[in-house]
C-alpha cells in the first residue's frame, strides 16, 4: 500500500509527503483510519502533493500516516440506489440499511463525444401555464431558474418535481448543493407522501459540509444520472439546487489553494469547472438527461460572473422577478426577461409561436404604458391603449397558478394545466372574450373555464341587495 506523511495542515488544505509513488491528481487519500478523506488537487514537486479535505480535518496532525486509495472518489450506481438519499461519499443518510445491488464508479467522467449525441428537439411539458406557453423546456436540455434570495426558486423547482415525476416515466435525481438541511428533509417527506420516491434518488452536500464535499456532490449525482442514461437506457430528470453554491464551493477551494482570484473574487478557473459539470448533461442515442437548475443571483445582479457563465450553457432561462413577487403574481416569472431556444415555429408550431409573440408584445406595451398611468392616470390613455392594458392585466392574472406544494399555506389547491388549455385561455383573453369579467376572476385559477364560476359568484353578490338573504 502506498502511504505518505502529513507535513502541513491549514484549514482544509493538507500537504502530504510521499517517498515512493506520487498519487495522480483527483486521487482520494484517507487518514485517521478512513475517517478523514482528502482529494489530491496539485502535485507540488516529485514527492509532495497538496489536497483538499472532503471532511472536517479535526484531529489531523503533522506526522500522521495517509493511505492512498489507488483511485478517485467513487459513488454507488445501480437499481439499489432508487428511493434512497446519499451524501457525497455514497453513504446512505436516510437511516436505512446500506443499499445492495450496487457497483461503485468514479465521479470523474468525460462528456459524451459529439458523435454519440442526439440532436432531436422535443418539448418537455411542465403543467405550469407561464412556462409552457412562453418559455417551453427542451427534453434533454438545461433550464435555469434565476433569481435573488426569497423569490421562489426552490418552490418552483419543488412544484416541477411534483408535476413531472408523476408523469415522467424515467428516473429523477435531486442534487442539493449547499442546501439547508430543512429543505432536504421537507423534500424527502413531500416526495414520500406523493408516492414518487420509488423512481427518485437524492444526493446532498449541505451548507455545513466543507467546500471540497460541496464541490464534488454535483459530479457524484451526474455519475448516477449517466448510469441510468447509458446502462439502463432511461430518461433522467436531474434537478440541481443550487448551481451558484457549486461555483461558490469552487471559489472557496480556489482561495484555500492560494490561487489569485479573478473578477469579484471568483476563481480564475470558474468557466472550466462549470463546463466540466454542465457538458456531461446531454442527450445521447440511448437516453436523455433533462436538467432543471436553480441559480441564485447575488444581489439580483444578472451581470455577476456566476450568472453570466451559467446563462451560456442553458437552452431555457426562467428569470424570477422580485417586483412580480411583491405584486402577488406567482409564479413570479418575468415573461419579458425569460427566454427559450425552443420557442421557434419549427418546434412549437405556428399557432403557439404567434400566440407567444402576441402575449409578449401586449405585456411589453403595458410595461411602457405603466409610467404614463402612474403619472397621469388611466383617463389619459387612448381607447386602443385602454384595451391593451385590460388584456395585459388579465393575461398577467391568468398566467398565475396555485401550486400543489404551497396549497397548505395559500388555501388554494394546486392545478396542473395542459398546454392546449393554457393556449386556449390566452387566445380567448387576447380576443377580448373576458373584457367584462373582473380581473380577480382570472387570478389563481387553472384552465380559463374556471373563471366563469368566480365571475358568476361576483355578479350574484353585486346583484343581490342587502337584506335579501335569510342570513343577513
Protein backbone atom coordinates (compact mmCIF):
# COMPACT_ATOMS: atom_id res chain seq x y z
CA UNK A 1 0.00 0.00 0.00
CA UNK A 2 1.25 3.47 -0.94
CA UNK A 3 1.47 5.65 2.18
CA UNK A 4 2.57 9.21 2.87
CA UNK A 5 3.02 11.56 5.83
CA UNK A 6 1.18 14.82 6.60
CA UNK A 7 3.65 17.73 6.53
CA UNK A 8 1.22 20.66 6.98
CA UNK A 9 -2.47 21.34 7.69
CA UNK A 10 -4.01 24.76 7.01
CA UNK A 11 -7.78 24.57 7.45
CA UNK A 12 -9.00 22.20 4.73
CA UNK A 13 -5.69 22.27 2.80
CA UNK A 14 -3.31 19.41 3.56
CA UNK A 15 0.24 18.88 2.22
CA UNK A 16 1.43 15.25 2.17
CA UNK A 17 4.91 13.80 1.53
CA UNK A 18 5.23 10.53 -0.43
CA UNK A 19 8.65 8.87 -0.60
CA UNK A 20 7.94 6.31 -3.33
CA UNK A 21 4.96 6.76 -5.64
CA UNK A 22 3.31 10.19 -6.11
CA UNK A 23 -0.52 9.84 -6.41
CA UNK A 24 -2.11 11.37 -9.55
CA UNK A 25 -4.45 14.40 -9.35
CA UNK A 26 -8.04 13.61 -8.17
CA UNK A 27 -6.83 10.56 -6.18
CA UNK A 28 -8.64 10.04 -2.87
CA UNK A 29 -6.44 9.68 0.23
CA UNK A 30 -7.50 8.51 3.70
CA UNK A 31 -6.19 9.45 7.15
CA UNK A 32 -7.23 8.60 10.74
CA UNK A 33 -8.27 5.05 9.70
CA UNK A 34 -10.52 6.31 6.93
CA UNK A 35 -12.29 8.99 9.00
CA UNK A 36 -10.70 11.86 7.02
CA UNK A 37 -10.87 11.94 3.20
CA UNK A 38 -8.53 14.15 1.17
CA UNK A 39 -8.62 14.69 -2.61
CA UNK A 40 -5.33 15.49 -4.40
CA UNK A 41 -5.64 18.79 -6.30
CA UNK A 42 -2.00 19.56 -7.21
CA UNK A 43 1.48 17.99 -7.22
CA UNK A 44 3.97 20.43 -5.70
CA UNK A 45 7.16 18.52 -6.58
CA UNK A 46 8.38 14.93 -7.07
CA UNK A 47 7.44 13.94 -3.51
CA UNK A 48 4.75 16.33 -2.25
CA UNK A 49 1.06 16.73 -3.10
CA UNK A 50 -1.48 19.30 -1.93
CA UNK A 51 -5.03 18.16 -1.33
CA UNK A 52 -8.35 19.50 -0.08
CA UNK A 53 -10.17 17.67 2.74
CA UNK A 54 -13.70 16.48 1.89
CA UNK A 55 -14.41 16.01 5.61
CA UNK A 56 -13.50 18.11 8.65
CA UNK A 57 -9.78 17.98 9.49
CA UNK A 58 -10.33 17.83 13.26
CA UNK A 59 -7.68 15.54 14.79
CA UNK A 60 -5.35 15.66 11.76
CA UNK A 61 -1.76 16.49 12.74
CA UNK A 62 1.70 16.64 11.19
CA UNK A 63 3.43 13.28 11.01
CA UNK A 64 0.20 11.27 10.67
CA UNK A 65 0.15 8.48 8.08
CA UNK A 66 -2.02 8.94 4.97
CA UNK A 67 -3.08 5.97 2.80
CA UNK A 68 -3.51 6.19 -0.97
CA UNK A 69 -6.86 4.62 -2.01
CA UNK A 70 -5.44 4.00 -5.50
CA UNK A 71 -8.31 5.77 -7.31
CA UNK A 72 -10.59 8.82 -7.34
CA UNK A 73 -13.74 9.50 -5.29
CA UNK A 74 -16.43 6.93 -6.18
CA UNK A 75 -20.22 6.88 -5.94
CA UNK A 76 -22.71 3.95 -5.96
CA UNK A 77 -24.78 3.24 -9.09
CA UNK A 78 -27.36 0.55 -9.84
CA UNK A 79 -31.01 -0.29 -9.18
CA UNK A 80 -30.35 -0.40 -5.42
CA UNK A 81 -29.90 3.38 -5.18
CA UNK A 82 -33.52 4.18 -6.15
CA UNK A 83 -35.67 5.78 -3.41
CA UNK A 84 -32.56 6.43 -1.30
CA UNK A 85 -30.73 9.52 -0.02
CA UNK A 86 -26.90 9.79 -0.12
CA UNK A 87 -24.02 12.06 0.81
CA UNK A 88 -21.03 12.81 -1.43
CA UNK A 89 -19.22 9.59 -0.38
CA UNK A 90 -22.19 7.38 -1.31
CA UNK A 91 -23.19 6.72 2.31
CA UNK A 92 -26.96 6.35 2.85
CA UNK A 93 -28.22 9.22 5.07
CA UNK A 94 -31.90 8.18 5.32
CA UNK A 95 -31.44 5.95 8.43
CA UNK A 96 -31.95 2.78 6.40
CA UNK A 97 -29.56 -0.13 5.80
CA UNK A 98 -26.78 0.30 3.21
CA UNK A 99 -28.10 -0.38 -0.33
CA UNK A 100 -27.47 -3.71 -2.06
CA UNK A 101 -27.24 -4.50 -5.81
CA UNK A 102 -24.85 -1.61 -6.44
CA UNK A 103 -21.48 -1.05 -8.08
CA UNK A 104 -19.06 1.81 -7.48
CA UNK A 105 -17.92 4.22 -10.19
CA UNK A 106 -15.54 7.19 -10.36
CA UNK A 107 -17.24 10.60 -10.22
CA UNK A 108 -14.86 11.95 -12.89
CA UNK A 109 -16.01 11.29 -16.46
CA UNK A 110 -15.56 12.99 -19.81
CA UNK A 111 -18.71 14.35 -21.51
CA UNK A 112 -20.17 12.09 -24.26
CA UNK A 113 -18.48 12.68 -27.66
CA UNK A 114 -20.38 14.68 -30.29
CA UNK A 115 -20.84 11.57 -32.44
CA UNK A 116 -22.99 9.97 -29.71
CA UNK A 117 -25.19 13.00 -29.04
CA UNK A 118 -28.78 13.27 -30.18
CA UNK A 119 -29.89 16.44 -31.99
CA UNK A 120 -33.65 15.83 -31.87
CA UNK A 121 -35.65 18.69 -30.32
CA UNK A 122 -38.70 17.78 -28.24
CA UNK A 123 -40.86 19.78 -25.82
CA UNK A 124 -40.91 18.83 -22.13
CA UNK A 125 -44.31 19.83 -20.69
CA UNK A 126 -44.39 21.02 -17.06
CA UNK A 127 -48.09 21.77 -16.43
CA UNK A 128 -47.18 25.36 -15.44
CA UNK A 129 -49.01 27.78 -17.78
CA UNK A 130 -46.46 30.59 -17.93
CA UNK A 131 -43.54 28.24 -18.65
CA UNK A 132 -45.28 26.03 -21.23
CA UNK A 133 -46.67 29.00 -23.20
CA UNK A 134 -43.79 31.49 -23.22
CA UNK A 135 -40.59 29.54 -22.47
CA UNK A 136 -41.12 25.85 -23.31
CA UNK A 137 -38.49 23.48 -21.93
CA UNK A 138 -36.47 21.03 -24.01
CA UNK A 139 -36.34 17.30 -23.38
CA UNK A 140 -32.66 16.67 -22.70
CA UNK A 141 -32.00 20.39 -22.33
CA UNK A 142 -30.76 22.51 -19.46
CA UNK A 143 -33.08 25.03 -17.83
CA UNK A 144 -32.00 27.66 -15.31
CA UNK A 145 -34.25 29.26 -12.66
CA UNK A 146 -32.58 32.60 -11.95
CA UNK A 147 -33.45 34.81 -9.02
CA UNK A 148 -32.22 36.52 -5.89
CA UNK A 149 -32.97 35.37 -2.35
CA UNK A 150 -36.60 34.63 -1.48
CA UNK A 151 -38.32 34.99 -4.87
CA UNK A 152 -39.39 31.34 -5.11
CA UNK A 153 -36.68 29.31 -6.91
CA UNK A 154 -36.92 26.30 -4.60
CA UNK A 155 -40.76 26.45 -4.53
CA UNK A 156 -40.87 26.45 -8.36
CA UNK A 157 -38.33 23.63 -8.52
CA UNK A 158 -40.31 21.56 -5.99
CA UNK A 159 -43.53 22.17 -7.96
CA UNK A 160 -41.82 20.99 -11.15
CA UNK A 161 -40.70 17.83 -9.35
CA UNK A 162 -44.29 17.25 -8.17
CA UNK A 163 -45.73 17.79 -11.67
CA UNK A 164 -43.10 15.93 -13.66
CA UNK A 165 -42.19 12.98 -11.50
CA UNK A 166 -45.80 11.77 -11.60
CA UNK A 167 -45.97 11.83 -15.42
CA UNK A 168 -42.26 11.24 -16.06
CA UNK A 169 -41.57 7.60 -16.87
CA UNK A 170 -37.82 7.81 -16.22
CA UNK A 171 -35.70 8.36 -13.12
CA UNK A 172 -35.45 11.61 -11.16
CA UNK A 173 -32.27 12.62 -9.37
CA UNK A 174 -32.26 15.55 -6.96
CA UNK A 175 -28.87 17.07 -6.17
CA UNK A 176 -28.72 19.56 -3.30
CA UNK A 177 -25.51 21.61 -3.40
CA UNK A 178 -25.08 23.78 -0.32
CA UNK A 179 -28.69 23.13 0.70
CA UNK A 180 -30.25 23.86 4.07
CA UNK A 181 -30.98 20.60 5.89
CA UNK A 182 -34.59 21.78 6.40
CA UNK A 183 -35.19 21.87 2.62
CA UNK A 184 -33.80 18.35 2.14
CA UNK A 185 -35.91 16.90 4.95
CA UNK A 186 -39.09 18.62 3.66
CA UNK A 187 -38.46 17.45 0.10
CA UNK A 188 -37.97 13.84 1.26
CA UNK A 189 -41.27 13.89 3.18
CA UNK A 190 -43.19 15.51 0.30
CA UNK A 191 -41.88 13.03 -2.28
CA UNK A 192 -42.70 10.13 0.04
CA UNK A 193 -46.23 11.44 0.60
CA UNK A 194 -46.72 11.90 -3.16
CA UNK A 195 -45.66 8.26 -3.72
CA UNK A 196 -42.94 9.14 -6.26
CA UNK A 197 -39.89 8.20 -4.17
CA UNK A 198 -39.59 4.77 -5.85
CA UNK A 199 -38.11 6.33 -9.01
CA UNK A 200 -36.10 9.02 -7.30
CA UNK A 201 -32.57 9.36 -5.89
CA UNK A 202 -31.47 12.24 -3.66
CA UNK A 203 -27.92 13.40 -3.01
CA UNK A 204 -26.94 16.21 -0.67
CA UNK A 205 -23.81 18.21 0.08
CA UNK A 206 -25.17 20.51 2.76
CA UNK A 207 -24.18 24.02 3.85
CA UNK A 208 -22.35 22.80 6.94
CA UNK A 209 -20.06 20.49 4.95
CA UNK A 210 -16.54 21.54 3.85
CA UNK A 211 -16.19 23.21 0.41
CA UNK A 212 -14.44 20.13 -1.04
CA UNK A 213 -17.53 17.96 -0.44
CA UNK A 214 -19.93 20.60 -1.84
CA UNK A 215 -17.70 20.96 -4.91
CA UNK A 216 -17.88 17.23 -5.73
CA UNK A 217 -21.54 16.42 -4.95
CA UNK A 218 -22.67 17.61 -8.40
CA UNK A 219 -20.21 15.25 -10.13
CA UNK A 220 -21.39 12.35 -7.96
CA UNK A 221 -25.07 12.96 -8.85
CA UNK A 222 -24.17 13.21 -12.55
CA UNK A 223 -22.40 9.85 -12.37
CA UNK A 224 -25.67 8.30 -11.12
CA UNK A 225 -27.61 10.04 -13.92
CA UNK A 226 -25.13 8.77 -16.55
CA UNK A 227 -25.58 5.20 -15.31
CA UNK A 228 -29.36 5.32 -15.86
CA UNK A 229 -28.93 7.04 -19.25
CA UNK A 230 -26.14 4.83 -20.66
CA UNK A 231 -26.56 1.44 -18.93
CA UNK A 232 -30.35 1.29 -18.49
CA UNK A 233 -31.29 3.49 -21.49
CA UNK A 234 -33.74 5.53 -19.43
CA UNK A 235 -34.59 9.21 -19.47
CA UNK A 236 -33.33 11.07 -16.41
CA UNK A 237 -34.68 14.25 -14.82
CA UNK A 238 -31.78 15.90 -12.98
CA UNK A 239 -32.71 18.68 -10.54
CA UNK A 240 -29.90 20.79 -9.10
CA UNK A 241 -30.43 23.26 -6.28
CA UNK A 242 -28.25 25.40 -6.43
CA UNK A 243 -25.62 25.84 -9.18
CA UNK A 244 -24.37 29.07 -7.60
CA UNK A 245 -23.38 27.09 -4.49
CA UNK A 246 -21.27 24.82 -6.75
CA UNK A 247 -19.45 27.88 -8.12
CA UNK A 248 -19.14 29.25 -4.58
CA UNK A 249 -17.62 25.97 -3.33
CA UNK A 250 -15.10 26.14 -6.21
CA UNK A 251 -14.29 29.73 -5.20
CA UNK A 252 -13.63 28.62 -1.61
CA UNK A 253 -11.43 25.72 -2.76
CA UNK A 254 -9.52 28.04 -5.11
CA UNK A 255 -8.95 30.56 -2.32
CA UNK A 256 -7.77 27.84 0.08
CA UNK A 257 -5.35 26.56 -2.58
CA UNK A 258 -3.84 30.05 -2.79
CA UNK A 259 -4.93 30.94 -6.36
CA UNK A 260 -5.19 34.62 -7.25
CA UNK A 261 -8.92 35.48 -7.55
CA UNK A 262 -10.39 36.89 -10.78
CA UNK A 263 -13.18 39.48 -11.09
CA UNK A 264 -15.40 39.96 -7.97
CA UNK A 265 -13.38 37.34 -6.06
CA UNK A 266 -14.34 34.38 -8.29
CA UNK A 267 -11.82 31.65 -9.10
CA UNK A 268 -9.84 32.07 -12.36
CA UNK A 269 -10.91 28.55 -13.44
CA UNK A 270 -14.68 29.10 -12.96
CA UNK A 271 -15.58 28.72 -16.66
CA UNK A 272 -13.69 25.42 -16.94
CA UNK A 273 -15.12 23.96 -13.73
CA UNK A 274 -18.71 24.83 -14.69
CA UNK A 275 -18.20 23.41 -18.21
CA UNK A 276 -16.85 20.11 -16.84
CA UNK A 277 -20.12 19.71 -14.91
CA UNK A 278 -22.62 21.13 -17.45
CA UNK A 279 -21.26 19.41 -20.58
CA UNK A 280 -21.92 15.97 -19.06
CA UNK A 281 -25.65 16.79 -19.07
CA UNK A 282 -26.54 15.71 -22.60
CA UNK A 283 -28.85 13.71 -24.89
CA UNK A 284 -27.33 10.58 -26.41
CA UNK A 285 -28.69 7.96 -28.79
CA UNK A 286 -29.65 5.79 -25.76
CA UNK A 287 -31.35 8.27 -23.42
CA UNK A 288 -31.55 11.87 -22.24
CA UNK A 289 -30.66 13.82 -19.11
CA UNK A 290 -33.06 16.75 -18.75
CA UNK A 291 -31.77 19.21 -16.18
CA UNK A 292 -33.51 21.96 -14.23
CA UNK A 293 -31.14 24.07 -12.16
CA UNK A 294 -31.82 26.79 -9.63
CA UNK A 295 -29.30 29.63 -9.90
CA UNK A 296 -29.03 32.15 -7.06
CA UNK A 297 -28.24 35.62 -8.46
CA UNK A 298 -26.21 37.64 -5.92
CA UNK A 299 -27.95 40.95 -5.11
CA UNK A 300 -30.28 40.46 -8.15
CA UNK A 301 -27.32 41.42 -10.38
CA UNK A 302 -27.56 39.47 -13.66
CA UNK A 303 -24.15 40.78 -14.79
CA UNK A 304 -22.49 38.81 -11.98
CA UNK A 305 -19.89 36.40 -13.50
CA UNK A 306 -21.61 33.35 -11.91
CA UNK A 307 -24.94 34.16 -13.64
CA UNK A 308 -23.26 35.12 -16.95
CA UNK A 309 -21.24 31.87 -17.15
CA UNK A 310 -24.30 29.76 -16.31
CA UNK A 311 -26.50 31.51 -18.95
CA UNK A 312 -24.20 30.32 -21.74
CA UNK A 313 -24.91 26.61 -21.03
CA UNK A 314 -28.72 26.73 -20.94
CA UNK A 315 -31.44 26.05 -23.52
CA UNK A 316 -34.04 27.95 -21.46
CA UNK A 317 -33.68 30.72 -18.87
CA UNK A 318 -36.50 31.40 -16.41
CA UNK A 319 -35.93 34.70 -14.61
CA UNK A 320 -37.79 35.28 -11.34
CA UNK A 321 -38.69 38.88 -10.55
CA UNK A 322 -38.88 40.42 -7.08
CA UNK A 323 -41.28 43.08 -8.46
CA UNK A 324 -43.80 40.46 -9.64
CA UNK A 325 -43.49 38.61 -6.33
CA UNK A 326 -44.32 41.84 -4.47
CA UNK A 327 -47.48 42.21 -6.63
CA UNK A 328 -48.58 38.68 -5.67
CA UNK A 329 -48.19 37.32 -9.23
CA UNK A 330 -46.95 33.77 -8.59
CA UNK A 331 -45.03 32.06 -10.11
CA UNK A 332 -43.04 35.33 -10.08
CA UNK A 333 -41.51 34.74 -13.53
CA UNK A 334 -40.64 37.79 -15.63
CA UNK A 335 -42.04 36.88 -19.08
CA UNK A 336 -40.05 39.59 -20.89
CA UNK A 337 -36.63 38.61 -19.47
CA UNK A 338 -37.13 34.84 -19.65
CA UNK A 339 -36.41 33.00 -22.91
CA UNK A 340 -36.16 29.58 -24.52
CA UNK A 341 -34.44 28.48 -27.70
CA UNK A 342 -37.37 26.06 -28.26
CA UNK A 343 -39.78 28.97 -28.90
CA UNK A 344 -39.48 28.80 -32.71
CA UNK A 345 -42.25 28.00 -35.25
CA UNK A 346 -40.41 24.86 -36.44
CA UNK A 347 -40.52 23.26 -32.96
CA UNK A 348 -43.64 24.51 -31.15
CA UNK A 349 -45.79 25.17 -34.25
CA UNK A 350 -47.02 28.33 -35.95
CA UNK A 351 -50.09 28.93 -33.76
CA UNK A 352 -48.21 28.59 -30.45
CA UNK A 353 -45.34 30.79 -31.71
CA UNK A 354 -47.63 33.59 -32.95
CA UNK A 355 -49.64 33.50 -29.73
CA UNK A 356 -46.49 33.69 -27.56
CA UNK A 357 -45.21 36.65 -29.60
CA UNK A 358 -48.54 38.46 -29.24
CA UNK A 359 -48.57 37.85 -25.45
CA UNK A 360 -45.03 39.25 -25.15
CA UNK A 361 -45.97 42.24 -27.34
CA UNK A 362 -49.05 43.01 -25.19
CA UNK A 363 -47.10 42.71 -21.92
CA UNK A 364 -44.25 44.88 -23.31
CA UNK A 365 -46.73 47.61 -24.37
CA UNK A 366 -48.27 47.51 -20.88
CA UNK A 367 -44.81 47.85 -19.30
CA UNK A 368 -44.24 51.01 -21.39
CA UNK A 369 -47.65 52.46 -20.51
CA UNK A 370 -47.23 51.90 -16.74
CA UNK A 371 -45.23 55.11 -16.30
CA UNK A 372 -47.93 57.17 -18.06
CA UNK A 373 -50.64 55.51 -15.91
CA UNK A 374 -48.64 56.20 -12.72
CA UNK A 375 -48.23 59.92 -13.58
CA UNK A 376 -51.44 60.85 -15.44
CA UNK A 377 -53.91 58.04 -14.69
CA UNK A 378 -55.86 55.71 -16.99
CA UNK A 379 -58.06 58.60 -18.27
CA UNK A 380 -55.25 59.97 -20.45
CA UNK A 381 -54.88 56.74 -22.44
CA UNK A 382 -56.34 56.31 -25.92
CA UNK A 383 -59.19 53.75 -26.32
CA UNK A 384 -56.75 51.32 -28.03
CA UNK A 385 -54.23 51.62 -25.16
CA UNK A 386 -57.11 51.06 -22.71
CA UNK A 387 -57.79 47.71 -24.41
CA UNK A 388 -54.08 46.76 -24.34
CA UNK A 389 -53.86 47.49 -20.60
CA UNK A 390 -57.02 45.44 -19.91
CA UNK A 391 -55.72 42.46 -21.93
CA UNK A 392 -52.27 42.63 -20.33
CA UNK A 393 -53.64 42.78 -16.77
CA UNK A 394 -55.98 39.84 -17.44
CA UNK A 395 -53.14 37.86 -19.05
CA UNK A 396 -50.91 38.54 -16.04
CA UNK A 397 -53.58 37.23 -13.70
CA UNK A 398 -54.49 34.23 -15.87
CA UNK A 399 -50.80 33.23 -16.01
CA UNK A 400 -50.69 32.94 -12.20
CA UNK A 401 -51.26 29.45 -10.88
CA UNK A 402 -51.89 27.81 -7.49
CA UNK A 403 -49.17 25.27 -6.66
CA UNK A 404 -49.58 21.85 -5.06
CA UNK A 405 -46.52 22.44 -2.88
CA UNK A 406 -47.89 25.71 -1.42
CA UNK A 407 -51.53 24.60 -1.02
CA UNK A 408 -51.25 24.23 2.76
CA UNK A 409 -50.12 27.89 3.09
CA UNK A 410 -52.36 29.60 0.49
CA UNK A 411 -55.58 27.62 0.85
CA UNK A 412 -55.72 27.16 -2.95
CA UNK A 413 -55.48 23.56 -4.15
CA UNK A 414 -52.83 23.07 -6.87
CA UNK A 415 -53.62 22.94 -10.60
CA UNK A 416 -51.89 21.08 -13.43
CA UNK A 417 -52.82 22.78 -16.73
CA UNK A 418 -52.26 21.20 -20.14
CA UNK A 419 -50.59 23.21 -22.90
CA UNK A 420 -53.76 23.22 -25.04
CA UNK A 421 -55.82 24.67 -22.15
CA UNK A 422 -53.16 27.33 -21.49
CA UNK A 423 -53.02 28.40 -25.15
CA UNK A 424 -56.81 28.39 -25.40
CA UNK A 425 -57.14 30.67 -22.37
CA UNK A 426 -54.52 33.16 -23.60
CA UNK A 427 -56.10 33.25 -27.07
CA UNK A 428 -59.56 33.98 -25.69
CA UNK A 429 -58.24 36.77 -23.44
CA UNK A 430 -56.44 38.38 -26.41
CA UNK A 431 -59.75 38.21 -28.38
CA UNK A 432 -61.38 40.25 -25.56
CA UNK A 433 -63.81 37.48 -24.58
CA UNK A 434 -63.22 38.27 -20.90
CA UNK A 435 -63.19 42.07 -21.02
CA UNK A 436 -66.40 42.25 -18.95
CA UNK A 437 -65.02 39.91 -16.27
CA UNK A 438 -63.33 41.37 -13.17
CA UNK A 439 -59.55 40.80 -13.17
CA UNK A 440 -59.85 38.89 -9.87
CA UNK A 441 -61.92 36.22 -11.68
CA UNK A 442 -58.80 35.15 -13.60
CA UNK A 443 -56.40 35.22 -10.62
CA UNK A 444 -55.02 31.90 -9.29
CA UNK A 445 -57.11 29.60 -11.46
CA UNK A 446 -56.19 26.62 -13.65
CA UNK A 447 -57.90 26.42 -17.06
CA UNK A 448 -59.82 29.50 -18.32
CA UNK A 449 -63.24 27.84 -17.77
CA UNK A 450 -62.73 28.16 -14.00
CA UNK A 451 -63.08 31.93 -14.36
CA UNK A 452 -66.81 31.64 -15.07
CA UNK A 453 -67.69 30.35 -11.60
CA UNK A 454 -65.77 33.13 -9.88
CA UNK A 455 -67.37 35.69 -12.16
CA UNK A 456 -70.90 34.36 -11.57
CA UNK A 457 -70.43 34.47 -7.80
CA UNK A 458 -69.11 38.05 -8.02
CA UNK A 459 -72.08 39.12 -10.18
CA UNK A 460 -74.52 37.37 -7.85
CA UNK A 461 -73.13 39.21 -4.82
CA UNK A 462 -73.42 42.52 -6.68
CA UNK A 463 -76.97 41.71 -7.91
CA UNK A 464 -78.37 40.70 -4.51
CA UNK A 465 -79.32 43.77 -2.45
CA UNK A 466 -78.53 43.79 1.24
CA UNK A 467 -81.17 42.11 3.39
CA UNK A 468 -82.45 39.84 0.61
CA UNK A 469 -80.96 36.69 2.17
CA UNK A 470 -82.07 34.92 5.36
CA UNK A 471 -78.59 35.13 6.92
CA UNK A 472 -78.44 38.91 6.65
